[in-house]
């Protein structure tokens, strides 16, 4: 079989117009629009700072931070020991023997119940280290325990019935007096929004209204 020599056929295409060539050299642009995320109708006026990012704590409907105040105590923001709120608030249940507010509630109260309103910011009583921070605290609900050394004595402060997910601290964290602990809620064995607050020198609960006033400069 004889080989057929290949034929070279010159091919030519029209050159693009200058306008088309210029358009082909332009970088493609992509239009971007700002993005937003809606987290809820109401957001607490508190920002939690965790390892370089921040998050706002949504408040449930009906939350009214500091809706209620009272002349029950006077706080001093310059004191190394402080009340868990910046101003006096109502007391719904005192320390000691009481008529149980519910069938499962105790007749001896190891703390005081403070009622400033759902979503009110709670502050640390003094410098210390967090030993408990959980949303699964049984009758305490969402609660925090901080261990302090005050006048050479080990003292624990306990903050219970917080809004679930509002704890601003972690176990092992060192905190400063006045630092955000969480938000007043109604979790656990609770008949309404309040802070159950305990003070435990050497592990024994005492009446905060007896123990705190001499230690809070006012």
N, C-alpha and C. Protein backbone atom coordinates (compact mmCIF):
# COMPACT_ATOMS: atom_id res chain seq x y z
N UNK A 1 0.86 -1.19 0.00
CA UNK A 1 0.00 0.00 0.00
C UNK A 1 0.89 1.22 0.00
N UNK A 2 0.61 2.13 -0.86
CA UNK A 2 1.45 3.32 -0.98
C UNK A 2 1.05 4.36 0.04
N UNK A 3 2.04 5.03 0.59
CA UNK A 3 1.78 6.09 1.58
C UNK A 3 1.38 7.34 0.86
N UNK A 4 0.40 8.03 1.45
CA UNK A 4 -0.08 9.29 0.87
C UNK A 4 0.52 10.42 1.65
N UNK A 5 1.27 11.27 1.05
CA UNK A 5 1.88 12.38 1.81
C UNK A 5 0.83 13.29 2.38
N UNK A 6 1.10 13.73 3.63
CA UNK A 6 0.14 14.63 4.30
C UNK A 6 0.12 15.96 3.60
N UNK A 7 -1.05 16.52 3.56
CA UNK A 7 -1.22 17.82 2.94
C UNK A 7 -1.22 18.89 4.01
N UNK A 8 -0.42 19.87 3.91
CA UNK A 8 -0.41 20.99 4.86
C UNK A 8 -1.38 22.03 4.39
N UNK A 9 -2.43 22.19 5.16
CA UNK A 9 -3.46 23.17 4.78
C UNK A 9 -3.38 24.34 5.71
N UNK A 10 -3.02 25.49 5.24
CA UNK A 10 -2.93 26.65 6.13
C UNK A 10 -4.31 27.06 6.59
N UNK A 11 -4.44 27.24 7.91
CA UNK A 11 -5.71 27.66 8.50
C UNK A 11 -5.54 29.05 9.06
N UNK A 12 -6.53 29.86 8.94
CA UNK A 12 -6.46 31.21 9.51
C UNK A 12 -7.82 31.58 10.06
N UNK A 13 -7.81 32.35 11.20
CA UNK A 13 -9.04 32.80 11.85
C UNK A 13 -8.98 34.31 11.95
N UNK A 14 -10.12 34.91 11.90
CA UNK A 14 -10.10 36.37 12.04
C UNK A 14 -9.63 36.79 13.41
N UNK A 15 -8.82 37.83 13.54
CA UNK A 15 -8.33 38.35 14.82
C UNK A 15 -9.48 39.03 15.55
N UNK A 16 -9.54 38.86 16.90
CA UNK A 16 -10.61 39.51 17.65
C UNK A 16 -10.44 41.01 17.58
N UNK A 17 -11.56 41.69 17.72
CA UNK A 17 -11.52 43.15 17.73
C UNK A 17 -10.81 43.63 18.97
N UNK A 18 -10.24 44.84 18.95
CA UNK A 18 -9.55 45.37 20.15
C UNK A 18 -10.45 45.37 21.37
N UNK A 19 -11.75 45.65 21.23
CA UNK A 19 -12.65 45.70 22.39
C UNK A 19 -12.81 44.33 23.00
N UNK A 20 -12.94 43.28 22.15
CA UNK A 20 -13.10 41.93 22.67
C UNK A 20 -11.83 41.46 23.35
N UNK A 21 -10.68 41.76 22.76
CA UNK A 21 -9.40 41.36 23.36
C UNK A 21 -9.21 42.01 24.72
N UNK A 22 -9.58 43.29 24.85
CA UNK A 22 -9.43 43.99 26.13
C UNK A 22 -10.34 43.39 27.18
N UNK A 23 -11.56 43.04 26.80
CA UNK A 23 -12.49 42.44 27.75
C UNK A 23 -11.98 41.11 28.25
N UNK A 24 -11.32 40.34 27.38
CA UNK A 24 -10.81 39.03 27.77
C UNK A 24 -9.70 39.15 28.79
N UNK A 25 -8.99 40.30 28.81
CA UNK A 25 -7.87 40.48 29.74
C UNK A 25 -8.32 40.99 31.09
N UNK A 26 -9.58 41.46 31.21
CA UNK A 26 -10.04 42.03 32.47
C UNK A 26 -10.31 40.92 33.48
N UNK A 27 -9.89 41.07 34.76
CA UNK A 27 -10.18 40.04 35.78
C UNK A 27 -11.66 40.00 36.07
N UNK A 28 -12.15 38.80 36.33
CA UNK A 28 -13.57 38.64 36.63
C UNK A 28 -13.86 39.19 38.02
N UNK A 29 -14.91 39.94 38.13
CA UNK A 29 -15.29 40.50 39.43
C UNK A 29 -16.53 39.79 39.93
N UNK A 30 -16.55 39.54 41.27
CA UNK A 30 -17.69 38.87 41.88
C UNK A 30 -18.30 39.82 42.89
N UNK A 31 -19.54 40.07 42.77
CA UNK A 31 -20.23 40.97 43.69
C UNK A 31 -20.55 40.23 44.97
N UNK A 32 -20.15 40.80 46.10
CA UNK A 32 -20.44 40.18 47.40
C UNK A 32 -21.30 41.11 48.21
N UNK A 33 -22.24 40.54 48.93
CA UNK A 33 -23.13 41.30 49.78
C UNK A 33 -22.81 41.02 51.24
N UNK A 34 -22.96 42.01 52.13
CA UNK A 34 -22.72 41.75 53.56
C UNK A 34 -23.63 40.65 54.07
N UNK A 35 -23.11 39.83 54.97
CA UNK A 35 -23.89 38.75 55.55
C UNK A 35 -24.23 39.08 56.99
N UNK A 36 -25.38 38.65 57.44
CA UNK A 36 -25.79 38.90 58.82
C UNK A 36 -26.41 37.65 59.40
N UNK A 37 -26.41 37.56 60.74
CA UNK A 37 -26.98 36.42 61.44
C UNK A 37 -27.89 36.94 62.54
N UNK A 38 -29.12 36.54 62.53
CA UNK A 38 -30.06 36.94 63.57
C UNK A 38 -30.09 35.85 64.63
N UNK A 39 -29.82 36.22 65.91
CA UNK A 39 -29.76 35.23 66.98
C UNK A 39 -30.94 35.30 67.91
N UNK A 40 -31.80 36.27 67.79
CA UNK A 40 -32.95 36.34 68.68
C UNK A 40 -33.52 37.73 68.72
N UNK A 41 -34.70 37.85 69.30
CA UNK A 41 -35.34 39.15 69.36
C UNK A 41 -34.67 40.07 70.37
N UNK A 42 -34.17 39.48 71.48
CA UNK A 42 -33.53 40.29 72.49
C UNK A 42 -32.17 39.71 72.82
N UNK A 43 -31.21 40.56 73.06
CA UNK A 43 -29.86 40.12 73.38
C UNK A 43 -29.42 40.80 74.64
N UNK A 44 -28.82 40.04 75.54
CA UNK A 44 -28.38 40.60 76.80
C UNK A 44 -27.31 41.66 76.58
N UNK A 45 -27.30 42.70 77.42
CA UNK A 45 -26.27 43.73 77.28
C UNK A 45 -24.95 43.27 77.88
N UNK A 46 -24.58 42.03 77.58
CA UNK A 46 -23.39 41.41 78.15
C UNK A 46 -22.69 40.66 77.04
N UNK A 47 -21.37 40.80 76.95
CA UNK A 47 -20.60 40.09 75.93
C UNK A 47 -19.67 39.11 76.62
N UNK A 48 -19.70 37.86 76.20
CA UNK A 48 -18.82 36.84 76.74
C UNK A 48 -17.58 36.77 75.85
N UNK A 49 -16.40 36.85 76.45
CA UNK A 49 -15.16 36.84 75.69
C UNK A 49 -14.48 35.50 75.89
N UNK A 50 -14.31 34.73 74.84
CA UNK A 50 -13.72 33.40 74.95
C UNK A 50 -12.69 33.19 73.85
N UNK A 51 -11.38 33.20 74.24
CA UNK A 51 -10.30 32.85 73.32
C UNK A 51 -10.36 33.60 72.00
N UNK A 52 -10.53 34.90 72.06
CA UNK A 52 -10.45 35.70 70.86
C UNK A 52 -11.75 35.90 70.12
N UNK A 53 -12.85 35.27 70.58
CA UNK A 53 -14.13 35.55 69.94
C UNK A 53 -15.14 35.94 71.01
N UNK A 54 -16.20 36.56 70.58
CA UNK A 54 -17.21 37.00 71.54
C UNK A 54 -18.57 36.47 71.13
N UNK A 55 -19.46 36.37 72.11
CA UNK A 55 -20.82 35.89 71.84
C UNK A 55 -21.78 36.61 72.76
N UNK A 56 -22.93 36.96 72.24
CA UNK A 56 -23.96 37.57 73.05
C UNK A 56 -24.93 36.51 73.53
N UNK A 57 -25.45 36.70 74.74
CA UNK A 57 -26.38 35.73 75.31
C UNK A 57 -27.81 36.19 75.04
N UNK A 58 -28.59 35.43 74.26
CA UNK A 58 -29.97 35.83 74.01
C UNK A 58 -30.79 35.73 75.29
N UNK A 59 -31.68 36.67 75.52
CA UNK A 59 -32.58 36.64 76.66
C UNK A 59 -33.93 36.09 76.24
N UNK A 60 -34.58 35.33 77.12
CA UNK A 60 -35.90 34.83 76.80
C UNK A 60 -36.93 35.96 76.80
N UNK A 61 -38.07 35.71 76.18
CA UNK A 61 -39.14 36.70 76.19
C UNK A 61 -39.55 37.03 77.62
N UNK A 62 -39.81 38.29 77.87
CA UNK A 62 -40.23 38.71 79.20
C UNK A 62 -39.10 39.04 80.15
N UNK A 63 -37.85 38.88 79.70
CA UNK A 63 -36.72 39.18 80.57
C UNK A 63 -36.62 40.67 80.82
N UNK A 64 -36.41 41.04 82.09
CA UNK A 64 -36.33 42.44 82.46
C UNK A 64 -35.18 42.64 83.45
N UNK A 65 -33.94 42.75 82.96
CA UNK A 65 -32.81 42.95 83.87
C UNK A 65 -33.02 44.16 84.78
N UNK A 66 -32.76 43.96 86.06
CA UNK A 66 -32.91 45.00 87.08
C UNK A 66 -34.29 45.65 87.03
N UNK A 67 -35.31 44.81 86.83
CA UNK A 67 -36.68 45.31 86.87
C UNK A 67 -37.07 45.66 88.30
N UNK A 68 -36.38 45.04 89.28
CA UNK A 68 -36.72 45.24 90.68
C UNK A 68 -35.46 45.58 91.49
N UNK A 69 -35.50 46.63 92.24
CA UNK A 69 -34.42 47.00 93.15
C UNK A 69 -35.03 47.31 94.52
N UNK A 70 -34.19 47.28 95.55
CA UNK A 70 -34.67 47.52 96.91
C UNK A 70 -33.49 47.94 97.77
N UNK A 71 -33.79 48.53 98.92
CA UNK A 71 -32.73 49.00 99.83
C UNK A 71 -32.30 47.89 100.78
N UNK A 72 -32.05 46.70 100.23
CA UNK A 72 -31.68 45.55 101.05
C UNK A 72 -30.19 45.53 101.39
N UNK A 73 -29.37 46.09 100.52
CA UNK A 73 -27.93 46.18 100.78
C UNK A 73 -27.36 47.30 99.93
N UNK A 74 -26.14 47.70 100.28
CA UNK A 74 -25.41 48.72 99.52
C UNK A 74 -24.10 48.11 99.07
N UNK A 75 -23.84 48.12 97.78
CA UNK A 75 -22.60 47.56 97.25
C UNK A 75 -21.56 48.65 97.07
N UNK A 76 -20.29 48.25 97.08
CA UNK A 76 -19.20 49.18 96.83
C UNK A 76 -18.35 48.60 95.70
N UNK A 77 -18.37 49.19 94.51
CA UNK A 77 -17.62 48.64 93.38
C UNK A 77 -16.11 48.66 93.56
N UNK A 78 -15.62 49.37 94.59
CA UNK A 78 -14.18 49.41 94.85
C UNK A 78 -13.77 48.38 95.91
N UNK A 79 -14.72 47.68 96.48
CA UNK A 79 -14.42 46.73 97.55
C UNK A 79 -13.89 45.41 97.00
N UNK A 80 -12.95 44.75 97.69
CA UNK A 80 -12.45 43.44 97.24
C UNK A 80 -13.47 42.33 97.46
N UNK A 81 -14.48 42.59 98.29
CA UNK A 81 -15.59 41.66 98.49
C UNK A 81 -16.87 42.44 98.19
N UNK A 82 -17.75 41.86 97.35
CA UNK A 82 -18.94 42.59 96.93
C UNK A 82 -20.17 41.69 96.93
N UNK A 83 -21.33 42.32 96.83
CA UNK A 83 -22.58 41.61 96.63
C UNK A 83 -22.64 41.14 95.18
N UNK A 84 -23.48 40.14 94.89
CA UNK A 84 -23.54 39.64 93.50
C UNK A 84 -24.26 40.57 92.54
N UNK A 85 -24.85 41.68 93.05
CA UNK A 85 -25.47 42.68 92.20
C UNK A 85 -24.94 44.05 92.57
N UNK A 86 -24.95 44.94 91.61
CA UNK A 86 -24.36 46.27 91.83
C UNK A 86 -25.21 47.16 92.71
N UNK A 87 -26.47 46.79 92.90
CA UNK A 87 -27.37 47.57 93.76
C UNK A 87 -28.27 46.62 94.52
N UNK A 88 -28.90 47.12 95.58
CA UNK A 88 -29.78 46.28 96.37
C UNK A 88 -30.98 45.80 95.57
N UNK A 89 -31.39 44.54 95.83
CA UNK A 89 -32.53 43.95 95.12
C UNK A 89 -33.42 43.24 96.14
N UNK A 90 -34.67 42.95 95.81
CA UNK A 90 -35.57 42.27 96.75
C UNK A 90 -35.08 40.87 97.12
N UNK A 91 -35.47 40.45 98.33
CA UNK A 91 -35.18 39.10 98.83
C UNK A 91 -36.51 38.34 98.89
N UNK A 92 -36.61 37.26 98.14
CA UNK A 92 -37.86 36.50 98.13
C UNK A 92 -37.87 35.36 99.13
N UNK A 93 -36.68 34.93 99.56
CA UNK A 93 -36.59 33.88 100.59
C UNK A 93 -35.29 34.06 101.35
N UNK A 94 -35.33 34.26 102.68
CA UNK A 94 -34.12 34.50 103.45
C UNK A 94 -33.40 33.21 103.80
N UNK A 95 -32.29 33.35 104.48
CA UNK A 95 -31.48 32.22 104.95
C UNK A 95 -32.15 31.59 106.17
N UNK A 96 -32.01 30.26 106.27
CA UNK A 96 -32.47 29.56 107.48
C UNK A 96 -33.82 28.88 107.31
N UNK A 97 -34.48 28.64 108.45
CA UNK A 97 -35.77 27.93 108.43
C UNK A 97 -36.82 28.76 107.72
N UNK A 98 -37.67 28.07 106.96
CA UNK A 98 -38.71 28.75 106.18
C UNK A 98 -39.84 27.77 105.88
N UNK A 99 -40.96 28.32 105.45
CA UNK A 99 -42.03 27.48 104.91
C UNK A 99 -41.64 27.12 103.49
N UNK A 100 -41.52 25.85 103.17
CA UNK A 100 -41.08 25.47 101.82
C UNK A 100 -41.99 26.08 100.75
N UNK A 101 -41.41 26.73 99.74
CA UNK A 101 -42.22 27.35 98.69
C UNK A 101 -42.81 26.35 97.70
N UNK A 102 -42.39 25.08 97.76
CA UNK A 102 -42.95 24.04 96.90
C UNK A 102 -42.82 22.71 97.62
N UNK A 103 -43.52 21.71 97.13
CA UNK A 103 -43.55 20.41 97.81
C UNK A 103 -42.19 19.74 97.86
N UNK A 104 -41.33 20.06 96.88
CA UNK A 104 -39.99 19.45 96.84
C UNK A 104 -38.91 20.37 97.39
N UNK A 105 -39.29 21.56 97.82
CA UNK A 105 -38.32 22.53 98.33
C UNK A 105 -37.98 22.25 99.79
N UNK A 106 -36.80 22.70 100.20
CA UNK A 106 -36.34 22.45 101.56
C UNK A 106 -36.98 23.41 102.55
N UNK A 107 -37.05 22.96 103.82
CA UNK A 107 -37.57 23.83 104.88
C UNK A 107 -36.43 24.61 105.54
N UNK A 108 -35.19 24.22 105.25
CA UNK A 108 -34.03 24.98 105.73
C UNK A 108 -33.27 25.47 104.51
N UNK A 109 -33.14 26.78 104.40
CA UNK A 109 -32.58 27.40 103.21
C UNK A 109 -31.11 27.72 103.44
N UNK A 110 -30.22 27.16 102.62
CA UNK A 110 -28.78 27.37 102.79
C UNK A 110 -28.27 28.67 102.18
N UNK A 111 -29.15 29.43 101.57
CA UNK A 111 -28.74 30.69 100.96
C UNK A 111 -29.85 31.71 101.04
N UNK A 112 -29.76 32.72 100.19
CA UNK A 112 -30.83 33.71 100.06
C UNK A 112 -31.24 33.76 98.60
N UNK A 113 -32.53 34.03 98.38
CA UNK A 113 -33.04 34.16 97.02
C UNK A 113 -33.21 35.65 96.70
N UNK A 114 -32.50 36.10 95.68
CA UNK A 114 -32.49 37.51 95.28
C UNK A 114 -33.20 37.65 93.95
N UNK A 115 -34.11 38.64 93.83
CA UNK A 115 -34.99 38.71 92.66
C UNK A 115 -34.92 40.08 91.97
N UNK A 116 -33.87 40.33 91.19
CA UNK A 116 -33.76 41.59 90.46
C UNK A 116 -34.47 41.58 89.11
N UNK A 117 -34.91 40.39 88.66
CA UNK A 117 -35.54 40.29 87.34
C UNK A 117 -34.78 39.33 86.43
N UNK A 118 -35.51 38.63 85.61
CA UNK A 118 -34.92 37.66 84.67
C UNK A 118 -33.89 38.33 83.76
N UNK A 119 -32.71 37.70 83.65
CA UNK A 119 -31.68 38.19 82.74
C UNK A 119 -30.71 39.19 83.34
N UNK A 120 -30.87 39.51 84.65
CA UNK A 120 -29.95 40.45 85.29
C UNK A 120 -28.56 39.83 85.41
N UNK A 121 -27.52 40.62 85.16
CA UNK A 121 -26.14 40.15 85.25
C UNK A 121 -25.77 39.88 86.70
N UNK A 122 -25.09 38.75 86.93
CA UNK A 122 -24.61 38.36 88.26
C UNK A 122 -23.10 38.52 88.28
N UNK A 123 -22.56 39.11 89.34
CA UNK A 123 -21.12 39.32 89.40
C UNK A 123 -20.47 38.50 90.52
N UNK A 124 -19.19 38.18 90.32
CA UNK A 124 -18.44 37.39 91.29
C UNK A 124 -18.26 38.17 92.58
N UNK A 125 -18.41 37.47 93.71
CA UNK A 125 -18.33 38.10 95.03
C UNK A 125 -16.92 38.59 95.36
N UNK A 126 -15.92 37.91 94.85
CA UNK A 126 -14.52 38.25 95.14
C UNK A 126 -13.62 37.54 94.14
N UNK A 127 -12.32 37.87 94.16
CA UNK A 127 -11.36 37.13 93.35
C UNK A 127 -11.40 35.66 93.75
N UNK A 128 -11.18 34.78 92.79
CA UNK A 128 -11.18 33.36 93.13
C UNK A 128 -10.98 32.47 91.92
N UNK A 129 -11.27 31.18 92.12
CA UNK A 129 -11.11 30.17 91.07
C UNK A 129 -12.43 29.41 90.94
N UNK A 130 -12.88 29.20 89.72
CA UNK A 130 -14.14 28.50 89.46
C UNK A 130 -13.94 27.00 89.69
N UNK A 131 -14.80 26.42 90.54
CA UNK A 131 -14.72 24.97 90.80
C UNK A 131 -15.89 24.21 90.20
N UNK A 132 -17.01 24.89 89.95
CA UNK A 132 -18.17 24.28 89.31
C UNK A 132 -18.76 25.28 88.33
N UNK A 133 -19.12 24.81 87.14
CA UNK A 133 -19.83 25.63 86.14
C UNK A 133 -20.56 24.67 85.24
N UNK A 134 -21.89 24.51 85.46
CA UNK A 134 -22.62 23.48 84.74
C UNK A 134 -24.07 23.88 84.49
N UNK A 135 -24.63 23.36 83.40
CA UNK A 135 -26.05 23.50 83.11
C UNK A 135 -26.85 22.32 83.65
N UNK A 136 -26.17 21.37 84.25
CA UNK A 136 -26.82 20.13 84.71
C UNK A 136 -26.63 19.97 86.21
N UNK A 137 -27.15 20.93 86.96
CA UNK A 137 -26.95 20.95 88.41
C UNK A 137 -28.11 20.44 89.23
N UNK A 138 -28.99 19.63 88.63
CA UNK A 138 -30.11 19.08 89.39
C UNK A 138 -31.02 20.18 89.92
N UNK A 139 -31.27 20.19 91.22
CA UNK A 139 -32.16 21.19 91.81
C UNK A 139 -31.60 22.60 91.69
N UNK A 140 -30.27 22.74 91.58
CA UNK A 140 -29.66 24.05 91.38
C UNK A 140 -29.82 24.55 89.94
N UNK A 141 -30.14 23.65 89.02
CA UNK A 141 -30.22 24.04 87.62
C UNK A 141 -28.85 24.42 87.08
N UNK A 142 -28.79 25.50 86.35
CA UNK A 142 -27.52 26.04 85.85
C UNK A 142 -26.88 26.82 86.99
N UNK A 143 -25.67 26.39 87.40
CA UNK A 143 -25.06 27.07 88.56
C UNK A 143 -23.54 27.08 88.50
N UNK A 144 -22.97 27.95 89.34
CA UNK A 144 -21.52 28.17 89.39
C UNK A 144 -21.09 28.21 90.85
N UNK A 145 -19.91 27.65 91.13
CA UNK A 145 -19.29 27.78 92.45
C UNK A 145 -17.90 28.37 92.25
N UNK A 146 -17.56 29.38 93.03
CA UNK A 146 -16.23 30.00 92.99
C UNK A 146 -15.60 29.87 94.37
N UNK A 147 -14.33 29.46 94.41
CA UNK A 147 -13.60 29.36 95.68
C UNK A 147 -12.70 30.58 95.85
N UNK A 148 -12.79 31.21 97.00
CA UNK A 148 -12.02 32.41 97.30
C UNK A 148 -11.16 32.19 98.54
N UNK A 149 -10.13 33.02 98.67
CA UNK A 149 -9.41 33.11 99.94
C UNK A 149 -9.61 34.53 100.46
N UNK A 150 -10.33 34.63 101.57
CA UNK A 150 -10.69 35.93 102.13
C UNK A 150 -10.24 35.98 103.58
N UNK A 151 -9.37 36.92 103.89
CA UNK A 151 -8.81 37.04 105.25
C UNK A 151 -8.20 35.73 105.71
N UNK A 152 -7.52 35.04 104.79
CA UNK A 152 -6.84 33.80 105.13
C UNK A 152 -7.75 32.59 105.25
N UNK A 153 -9.02 32.74 104.92
CA UNK A 153 -9.99 31.65 105.04
C UNK A 153 -10.51 31.26 103.66
N UNK A 154 -10.70 29.95 103.44
CA UNK A 154 -11.29 29.50 102.19
C UNK A 154 -12.81 29.68 102.26
N UNK A 155 -13.35 30.37 101.29
CA UNK A 155 -14.78 30.67 101.24
C UNK A 155 -15.29 30.36 99.84
N UNK A 156 -16.43 29.66 99.76
CA UNK A 156 -17.07 29.40 98.48
C UNK A 156 -18.29 30.31 98.32
N UNK A 157 -18.51 30.76 97.10
CA UNK A 157 -19.76 31.43 96.77
C UNK A 157 -20.45 30.62 95.68
N UNK A 158 -21.77 30.48 95.82
CA UNK A 158 -22.55 29.66 94.89
C UNK A 158 -23.66 30.50 94.28
N UNK A 159 -23.85 30.34 92.97
CA UNK A 159 -24.83 31.12 92.20
C UNK A 159 -25.68 30.14 91.41
N UNK A 160 -26.97 30.02 91.74
CA UNK A 160 -27.79 28.96 91.15
C UNK A 160 -29.03 29.51 90.44
N UNK A 161 -29.62 28.63 89.60
CA UNK A 161 -30.84 28.89 88.80
C UNK A 161 -30.59 29.88 87.67
N UNK A 162 -29.36 29.94 87.15
CA UNK A 162 -29.04 30.85 86.05
C UNK A 162 -29.74 30.42 84.76
N UNK A 163 -29.84 31.34 83.81
CA UNK A 163 -30.36 31.00 82.49
C UNK A 163 -29.43 29.96 81.86
N UNK A 164 -30.01 28.90 81.33
CA UNK A 164 -29.19 27.86 80.69
C UNK A 164 -28.38 28.47 79.54
N UNK A 165 -27.09 28.15 79.51
CA UNK A 165 -26.22 28.65 78.46
C UNK A 165 -25.64 30.03 78.73
N UNK A 166 -25.98 30.63 79.89
CA UNK A 166 -25.51 32.00 80.16
C UNK A 166 -24.23 32.05 80.99
N UNK A 167 -23.72 30.90 81.45
CA UNK A 167 -22.50 30.91 82.27
C UNK A 167 -21.36 31.51 81.48
N UNK A 168 -20.68 32.48 82.09
CA UNK A 168 -19.60 33.20 81.41
C UNK A 168 -18.22 32.74 81.87
N UNK A 169 -18.16 31.67 82.66
CA UNK A 169 -16.91 31.21 83.25
C UNK A 169 -16.69 29.73 82.94
N UNK A 170 -15.44 29.28 83.15
CA UNK A 170 -15.10 27.87 82.96
C UNK A 170 -14.42 27.35 84.22
N UNK A 171 -14.57 26.06 84.48
CA UNK A 171 -13.92 25.43 85.62
C UNK A 171 -12.41 25.63 85.52
N UNK A 172 -11.80 26.04 86.62
CA UNK A 172 -10.37 26.29 86.65
C UNK A 172 -9.98 27.72 86.33
N UNK A 173 -10.93 28.50 85.84
CA UNK A 173 -10.64 29.88 85.47
C UNK A 173 -10.47 30.76 86.72
N UNK A 174 -9.50 31.64 86.69
CA UNK A 174 -9.32 32.63 87.75
C UNK A 174 -10.17 33.85 87.42
N UNK A 175 -10.97 34.27 88.38
CA UNK A 175 -11.88 35.39 88.14
C UNK A 175 -11.54 36.53 89.10
N UNK A 176 -11.98 37.71 88.72
CA UNK A 176 -11.81 38.90 89.54
C UNK A 176 -13.15 39.33 90.11
N UNK A 177 -13.10 39.98 91.25
CA UNK A 177 -14.32 40.49 91.85
C UNK A 177 -15.08 41.36 90.85
N UNK A 178 -16.39 41.18 90.78
CA UNK A 178 -17.21 41.95 89.86
C UNK A 178 -17.31 41.37 88.47
N UNK A 179 -16.55 40.30 88.18
CA UNK A 179 -16.57 39.70 86.84
C UNK A 179 -17.91 38.99 86.62
N UNK A 180 -18.38 38.99 85.37
CA UNK A 180 -19.65 38.37 85.02
C UNK A 180 -19.62 36.87 85.29
N UNK A 181 -20.63 36.39 86.04
CA UNK A 181 -20.80 34.97 86.31
C UNK A 181 -21.81 34.35 85.34
N UNK A 182 -22.94 35.02 85.16
CA UNK A 182 -24.01 34.54 84.29
C UNK A 182 -25.22 35.44 84.47
N UNK A 183 -26.40 34.94 84.07
CA UNK A 183 -27.61 35.75 84.09
C UNK A 183 -28.68 35.08 84.94
N UNK A 184 -29.41 35.88 85.70
CA UNK A 184 -30.50 35.38 86.55
C UNK A 184 -31.51 34.62 85.70
N UNK A 185 -31.86 33.40 86.16
CA UNK A 185 -32.80 32.58 85.41
C UNK A 185 -33.79 31.87 86.30
N UNK A 186 -34.30 30.73 85.79
CA UNK A 186 -35.34 30.00 86.49
C UNK A 186 -35.17 28.50 86.26
N UNK A 187 -33.91 28.03 86.23
CA UNK A 187 -33.63 26.62 85.97
C UNK A 187 -33.59 25.83 87.27
N UNK A 188 -33.68 24.50 87.13
CA UNK A 188 -33.64 23.65 88.31
C UNK A 188 -34.94 23.70 89.09
N UNK A 189 -34.86 23.44 90.39
CA UNK A 189 -36.03 23.46 91.27
C UNK A 189 -36.28 24.90 91.70
N UNK A 190 -37.07 25.59 90.90
CA UNK A 190 -37.27 27.03 91.10
C UNK A 190 -38.73 27.38 90.82
N UNK A 191 -39.27 28.31 91.62
CA UNK A 191 -40.67 28.72 91.43
C UNK A 191 -40.79 30.06 90.72
N UNK A 192 -39.66 30.62 90.28
CA UNK A 192 -39.67 31.89 89.57
C UNK A 192 -38.25 32.38 89.38
N UNK A 193 -38.07 33.35 88.50
CA UNK A 193 -36.73 33.84 88.20
C UNK A 193 -36.09 34.48 89.43
N UNK A 194 -34.93 33.97 89.83
CA UNK A 194 -34.20 34.53 90.97
C UNK A 194 -32.78 33.95 91.00
N UNK A 195 -31.94 34.55 91.81
CA UNK A 195 -30.61 34.00 92.08
C UNK A 195 -30.62 33.38 93.47
N UNK A 196 -30.33 32.09 93.54
CA UNK A 196 -30.07 31.46 94.84
C UNK A 196 -28.59 31.65 95.11
N UNK A 197 -28.27 32.39 96.17
CA UNK A 197 -26.88 32.78 96.46
C UNK A 197 -26.47 32.23 97.81
N UNK A 198 -25.35 31.50 97.81
CA UNK A 198 -24.82 30.93 99.06
C UNK A 198 -23.40 31.43 99.30
N UNK A 199 -23.06 31.58 100.58
CA UNK A 199 -21.70 31.88 101.03
C UNK A 199 -21.31 30.78 102.01
N UNK A 200 -20.15 30.13 101.76
CA UNK A 200 -19.75 28.97 102.57
C UNK A 200 -18.32 29.11 103.09
N UNK A 201 -18.11 29.76 104.21
CA UNK A 201 -16.77 29.78 104.81
C UNK A 201 -16.42 28.37 105.32
N UNK A 202 -15.26 27.87 104.91
CA UNK A 202 -14.83 26.51 105.27
C UNK A 202 -15.90 25.47 104.95
N UNK A 203 -16.68 25.72 103.91
CA UNK A 203 -17.65 24.74 103.44
C UNK A 203 -18.99 24.76 104.14
N UNK A 204 -19.18 25.64 105.13
CA UNK A 204 -20.43 25.68 105.89
C UNK A 204 -21.25 26.90 105.48
N UNK A 205 -22.49 26.70 105.01
CA UNK A 205 -23.32 27.85 104.59
C UNK A 205 -23.63 28.78 105.75
N UNK A 206 -23.53 30.07 105.49
CA UNK A 206 -23.88 31.09 106.48
C UNK A 206 -24.82 32.10 105.82
N UNK A 207 -25.44 32.92 106.64
CA UNK A 207 -26.35 33.94 106.11
C UNK A 207 -25.54 35.05 105.44
N UNK A 208 -25.69 35.24 104.11
CA UNK A 208 -24.94 36.30 103.43
C UNK A 208 -25.22 37.68 104.01
N UNK A 209 -26.42 37.89 104.58
CA UNK A 209 -26.75 39.19 105.12
C UNK A 209 -26.11 39.44 106.49
N UNK A 210 -25.51 38.40 107.05
CA UNK A 210 -24.71 38.56 108.27
C UNK A 210 -23.23 38.61 107.92
N UNK A 211 -22.80 37.75 106.98
CA UNK A 211 -21.38 37.60 106.67
C UNK A 211 -20.85 38.72 105.78
N UNK A 212 -21.64 39.17 104.79
CA UNK A 212 -21.12 40.11 103.80
C UNK A 212 -21.00 41.56 104.27
N UNK A 213 -21.97 42.13 104.97
CA UNK A 213 -21.89 43.58 105.27
C UNK A 213 -20.59 44.05 105.91
N UNK A 214 -20.00 43.32 106.87
CA UNK A 214 -18.74 43.81 107.44
C UNK A 214 -17.56 43.76 106.47
N UNK A 215 -17.71 43.00 105.39
CA UNK A 215 -16.60 42.80 104.45
C UNK A 215 -16.75 43.63 103.18
N UNK A 216 -17.93 44.21 102.98
CA UNK A 216 -18.15 45.07 101.81
C UNK A 216 -18.05 46.51 102.28
N UNK A 217 -17.02 47.22 101.79
CA UNK A 217 -16.88 48.64 102.15
C UNK A 217 -18.01 49.41 101.52
N UNK A 218 -18.65 50.25 102.28
CA UNK A 218 -19.75 51.03 101.74
C UNK A 218 -19.80 52.40 102.42
